[in-house]
Amino acid sequence: MDWQAKRLEGKVFTVHFIDLAGQIHLEETGIALIPGVDEYELVK
Protein backbone atom coordinates (compact mmCIF):
# COMPACT_ATOMS: atom_id res chain seq x y z
CA MET A 1 0.00 0.00 0.00
CA ASP A 2 1.45 3.36 -1.00
CA TRP A 3 1.63 6.38 1.31
CA GLN A 4 -1.39 8.08 -0.29
CA ALA A 5 -3.55 4.99 0.25
CA LYS A 6 -2.48 4.81 3.90
CA ARG A 7 -3.30 8.51 4.34
CA LEU A 8 -6.83 8.05 2.94
CA GLU A 9 -7.66 4.62 4.37
CA GLY A 10 -10.88 4.54 6.40
CA LYS A 11 -11.96 8.06 5.44
CA VAL A 12 -15.09 9.11 3.53
CA PHE A 13 -14.86 11.54 0.61
CA THR A 14 -17.25 13.08 -1.89
CA VAL A 15 -16.70 12.43 -5.58
CA HIS A 16 -15.79 15.70 -7.29
CA PHE A 17 -15.97 14.37 -10.86
CA ILE A 18 -15.20 11.38 -13.07
CA ASP A 19 -12.88 12.17 -15.96
CA LEU A 20 -12.95 10.82 -19.52
CA ALA A 21 -10.50 8.04 -18.54
CA GLY A 22 -12.96 6.88 -15.85
CA GLN A 23 -10.81 8.00 -12.93
CA ILE A 24 -12.80 9.07 -9.88
CA HIS A 25 -11.52 12.39 -8.52
CA LEU A 26 -12.15 13.07 -4.83
CA GLU A 27 -12.95 16.47 -3.35
CA GLU A 28 -10.28 18.10 -1.16
CA THR A 29 -7.60 15.48 -1.90
CA GLY A 30 -6.06 15.99 -5.33
CA ILE A 31 -6.34 12.21 -5.65
CA ALA A 32 -8.03 10.15 -8.35
CA LEU A 33 -9.11 6.54 -7.83
CA ILE A 34 -8.58 4.17 -10.73
CA PRO A 35 -11.34 1.55 -11.04
CA GLY A 36 -9.89 -1.95 -11.30
CA VAL A 37 -6.62 -0.83 -9.68
CA ASP A 38 -7.56 0.99 -6.47
CA GLU A 39 -9.77 -0.48 -3.75
CA TYR A 40 -12.71 1.64 -2.62
CA GLU A 41 -16.25 1.30 -1.34
CA LEU A 42 -19.22 3.38 -2.45
CA VAL A 43 -21.37 4.73 0.39
CA LYS A 44 -24.78 6.17 -0.41
PDB file of N, CA and C in Angstrom:
ATOM      1  N   MET A   1       0.854  -1.183   0.000  1.00  0.00           N
ATOM      2  CA  MET A   1       0.000   0.000   0.000  1.00  0.00           C
ATOM      3  C   MET A   1       0.892   1.236   0.000  1.00  0.00           C
ATOM      4  N   ASP A   2       0.622   2.160  -0.922  1.00  0.00           N
ATOM      5  CA  ASP A   2       1.446   3.361  -0.998  1.00  0.00           C
ATOM      6  C   ASP A   2       1.048   4.373   0.082  1.00  0.00           C
ATOM      7  N   TRP A   3       1.852   5.415   0.218  1.00  0.00           N
ATOM      8  CA  TRP A   3       1.633   6.382   1.306  1.00  0.00           C
ATOM      9  C   TRP A   3       0.312   7.127   1.143  1.00  0.00           C
ATOM     10  N   GLN A   4      -0.129   7.381  -0.098  1.00  0.00           N
ATOM     11  CA  GLN A   4      -1.391   8.080  -0.288  1.00  0.00           C
ATOM     12  C   GLN A   4      -2.557   7.201   0.145  1.00  0.00           C
ATOM     13  N   ALA A   5      -2.484   5.919  -0.153  1.00  0.00           N
ATOM     14  CA  ALA A   5      -3.545   4.994   0.253  1.00  0.00           C
ATOM     15  C   ALA A   5      -3.617   4.914   1.775  1.00  0.00           C
ATOM     16  N   LYS A   6      -2.486   4.863   2.433  1.00  0.00           N
ATOM     17  CA  LYS A   6      -2.481   4.814   3.898  1.00  0.00           C
ATOM     18  C   LYS A   6      -3.082   6.080   4.489  1.00  0.00           C
ATOM     19  N   ARG A   7      -2.801   7.219   3.850  1.00  0.00           N
ATOM     20  CA  ARG A   7      -3.301   8.509   4.340  1.00  0.00           C
ATOM     21  C   ARG A   7      -4.821   8.596   4.215  1.00  0.00           C
ATOM     22  N   LEU A   8      -5.396   7.949   3.207  1.00  0.00           N
ATOM     23  CA  LEU A   8      -6.826   8.048   2.941  1.00  0.00           C
ATOM     24  C   LEU A   8      -7.636   6.877   3.503  1.00  0.00           C
ATOM     25  N   GLU A   9      -6.970   5.830   3.919  1.00  0.00           N
ATOM     26  CA  GLU A   9      -7.658   4.618   4.374  1.00  0.00           C
ATOM     27  C   GLU A   9      -8.634   4.915   5.510  1.00  0.00           C
ATOM     28  N   GLY A  10      -9.869   4.409   5.363  1.00  0.00           N
ATOM     29  CA  GLY A  10     -10.880   4.539   6.397  1.00  0.00           C
ATOM     30  C   GLY A  10     -11.633   5.860   6.403  1.00  0.00           C
ATOM     31  N   LYS A  11     -11.303   6.756   5.479  1.00  0.00           N
ATOM     32  CA  LYS A  11     -11.962   8.056   5.437  1.00  0.00           C
ATOM     33  C   LYS A  11     -13.044   8.063   4.354  1.00  0.00           C
ATOM     34  N   VAL A  12     -13.992   8.975   4.491  1.00  0.00           N
ATOM     35  CA  VAL A  12     -15.091   9.105   3.534  1.00  0.00           C
ATOM     36  C   VAL A  12     -14.914  10.421   2.778  1.00  0.00           C
ATOM     37  N   PHE A  13     -15.018  10.364   1.458  1.00  0.00           N
ATOM     38  CA  PHE A  13     -14.862  11.541   0.614  1.00  0.00           C
ATOM     39  C   PHE A  13     -16.024  11.641  -0.353  1.00  0.00           C
ATOM     40  N   THR A  14     -16.242  12.836  -0.863  1.00  0.00           N
ATOM     41  CA  THR A  14     -17.254  13.084  -1.888  1.00  0.00           C
ATOM     42  C   THR A  14     -16.570  13.059  -3.247  1.00  0.00           C
ATOM     43  N   VAL A  15     -17.224  12.434  -4.224  1.00  0.00           N
ATOM     44  CA  VAL A  15     -16.695  12.435  -5.581  1.00  0.00           C
ATOM     45  C   VAL A  15     -16.851  13.833  -6.163  1.00  0.00           C
ATOM     46  N   HIS A  16     -15.769  14.379  -6.662  1.00  0.00           N
ATOM     47  CA  HIS A  16     -15.786  15.699  -7.287  1.00  0.00           C
ATOM     48  C   HIS A  16     -16.207  15.571  -8.752  1.00  0.00           C
ATOM     49  N   PHE A  17     -15.579  14.652  -9.477  1.00  0.00           N
ATOM     50  CA  PHE A  17     -15.970  14.374 -10.861  1.00  0.00           C
ATOM     51  C   PHE A  17     -15.306  13.078 -11.321  1.00  0.00           C
ATOM     52  N   ILE A  18     -15.802  12.538 -12.420  1.00  0.00           N
ATOM     53  CA  ILE A  18     -15.202  11.380 -13.073  1.00  0.00           C
ATOM     54  C   ILE A  18     -14.719  11.852 -14.435  1.00  0.00           C
ATOM     55  N   ASP A  19     -13.427  11.655 -14.711  1.00  0.00           N
ATOM     56  CA  ASP A  19     -12.876  12.165 -15.963  1.00  0.00           C
ATOM     57  C   ASP A  19     -13.137  11.206 -17.132  1.00  0.00           C
ATOM     58  N   LEU A  20     -12.699  11.606 -18.319  1.00  0.00           N
ATOM     59  CA  LEU A  20     -12.945  10.815 -19.525  1.00  0.00           C
ATOM     60  C   LEU A  20     -12.245   9.453 -19.501  1.00  0.00           C
ATOM     61  N   ALA A  21     -11.206   9.320 -18.687  1.00  0.00           N
ATOM     62  CA  ALA A  21     -10.504   8.039 -18.545  1.00  0.00           C
ATOM     63  C   ALA A  21     -11.187   7.143 -17.516  1.00  0.00           C
ATOM     64  N   GLY A  22     -12.241   7.653 -16.853  1.00  0.00           N
ATOM     65  CA  GLY A  22     -12.962   6.878 -15.852  1.00  0.00           C
ATOM     66  C   GLY A  22     -12.392   6.973 -14.449  1.00  0.00           C
ATOM     67  N   GLN A  23     -11.382   7.820 -14.260  1.00  0.00           N
ATOM     68  CA  GLN A  23     -10.805   8.000 -12.934  1.00  0.00           C
ATOM     69  C   GLN A  23     -11.759   8.819 -12.071  1.00  0.00           C
ATOM     70  N   ILE A  24     -11.873   8.432 -10.812  1.00  0.00           N
ATOM     71  CA  ILE A  24     -12.796   9.073  -9.876  1.00  0.00           C
ATOM     72  C   ILE A  24     -12.005  10.064  -9.023  1.00  0.00           C
ATOM     73  N   HIS A  25     -12.238  11.346  -9.237  1.00  0.00           N
ATOM     74  CA  HIS A  25     -11.517  12.392  -8.515  1.00  0.00           C
ATOM     75  C   HIS A  25     -12.278  12.743  -7.244  1.00  0.00           C
ATOM     76  N   LEU A  26     -11.551  12.808  -6.139  1.00  0.00           N
ATOM     77  CA  LEU A  26     -12.151  13.067  -4.828  1.00  0.00           C
ATOM     78  C   LEU A  26     -11.979  14.514  -4.430  1.00  0.00           C
ATOM     79  N   GLU A  27     -13.025  15.084  -3.830  1.00  0.00           N
ATOM     80  CA  GLU A  27     -12.950  16.470  -3.350  1.00  0.00           C
ATOM     81  C   GLU A  27     -11.907  16.585  -2.249  1.00  0.00           C
ATOM     82  N   GLU A  28     -11.216  17.709  -2.229  1.00  0.00           N
ATOM     83  CA  GLU A  28     -10.284  18.100  -1.163  1.00  0.00           C
ATOM     84  C   GLU A  28      -9.055  17.206  -1.033  1.00  0.00           C
ATOM     85  N   THR A  29      -8.749  16.367  -2.043  1.00  0.00           N
ATOM     86  CA  THR A  29      -7.597  15.477  -1.902  1.00  0.00           C
ATOM     87  C   THR A  29      -6.560  15.629  -2.994  1.00  0.00           C
ATOM     88  N   GLY A  30      -6.978  15.997  -4.203  1.00  0.00           N
ATOM     89  CA  GLY A  30      -6.061  15.988  -5.334  1.00  0.00           C
ATOM     90  C   GLY A  30      -5.749  14.578  -5.798  1.00  0.00           C
ATOM     91  N   ILE A  31      -6.558  13.624  -5.349  1.00  0.00           N
ATOM     92  CA  ILE A  31      -6.341  12.209  -5.646  1.00  0.00           C
ATOM     93  C   ILE A  31      -7.439  11.709  -6.585  1.00  0.00           C
ATOM     94  N   ALA A  32      -7.055  10.817  -7.499  1.00  0.00           N
ATOM     95  CA  ALA A  32      -8.032  10.146  -8.349  1.00  0.00           C
ATOM     96  C   ALA A  32      -7.932   8.647  -8.120  1.00  0.00           C
ATOM     97  N   LEU A  33      -9.065   7.994  -7.956  1.00  0.00           N
ATOM     98  CA  LEU A  33      -9.114   6.542  -7.833  1.00  0.00           C
ATOM     99  C   LEU A  33      -9.228   5.947  -9.224  1.00  0.00           C
ATOM    100  N   ILE A  34      -8.544   4.837  -9.441  1.00  0.00           N
ATOM    101  CA  ILE A  34      -8.576   4.171 -10.734  1.00  0.00           C
ATOM    102  C   ILE A  34      -9.345   2.863 -10.572  1.00  0.00           C
ATOM    103  N   PRO A  35     -10.558   2.784 -11.141  1.00  0.00           N
ATOM    104  CA  PRO A  35     -11.341   1.552 -11.044  1.00  0.00           C
ATOM    105  C   PRO A  35     -10.557   0.364 -11.612  1.00  0.00           C
ATOM    106  N   GLY A  36     -10.611  -0.747 -10.895  1.00  0.00           N
ATOM    107  CA  GLY A  36      -9.887  -1.946 -11.300  1.00  0.00           C
ATOM    108  C   GLY A  36      -8.466  -2.010 -10.764  1.00  0.00           C
ATOM    109  N   VAL A  37      -7.964  -0.889 -10.250  1.00  0.00           N
ATOM    110  CA  VAL A  37      -6.618  -0.831  -9.677  1.00  0.00           C
ATOM    111  C   VAL A  37      -6.705  -0.514  -8.183  1.00  0.00           C
ATOM    112  N   ASP A  38      -7.420   0.554  -7.856  1.00  0.00           N
ATOM    113  CA  ASP A  38      -7.565   0.987  -6.469  1.00  0.00           C
ATOM    114  C   ASP A  38      -8.771   0.300  -5.822  1.00  0.00           C
ATOM    115  N   GLU A  39      -8.661   0.085  -4.520  1.00  0.00           N
ATOM    116  CA  GLU A  39      -9.772  -0.478  -3.754  1.00  0.00           C
ATOM    117  C   GLU A  39     -10.540   0.655  -3.100  1.00  0.00           C
ATOM    118  N   TYR A  40     -11.869   0.624  -3.243  1.00  0.00           N
ATOM    119  CA  TYR A  40     -12.707   1.641  -2.616  1.00  0.00           C
ATOM    120  C   TYR A  40     -14.109   1.063  -2.445  1.00  0.00           C
ATOM    121  N   GLU A  41     -14.884   1.719  -1.608  1.00  0.00           N
ATOM    122  CA  GLU A  41     -16.250   1.297  -1.342  1.00  0.00           C
ATOM    123  C   GLU A  41     -17.173   2.499  -1.530  1.00  0.00           C
ATOM    124  N   LEU A  42     -18.242   2.314  -2.262  1.00  0.00           N
ATOM    125  CA  LEU A  42     -19.219   3.382  -2.450  1.00  0.00           C
ATOM    126  C   LEU A  42     -20.195   3.392  -1.285  1.00  0.00           C
ATOM    127  N   VAL A  43     -20.437   4.550  -0.718  1.00  0.00           N
ATOM    128  CA  VAL A  43     -21.368   4.726   0.388  1.00  0.00           C
ATOM    129  C   VAL A  43     -22.433   5.694  -0.069  1.00  0.00           C
ATOM    130  N   LYS A  44     -23.684   5.294   0.030  1.00  0.00           N
ATOM    131  CA  LYS A  44     -24.783   6.167  -0.410  1.00  0.00           C
ATOM    132  C   LYS A  44     -25.399   6.887   0.752  1.00  0.00           C
TER     133      LYS A  44
END
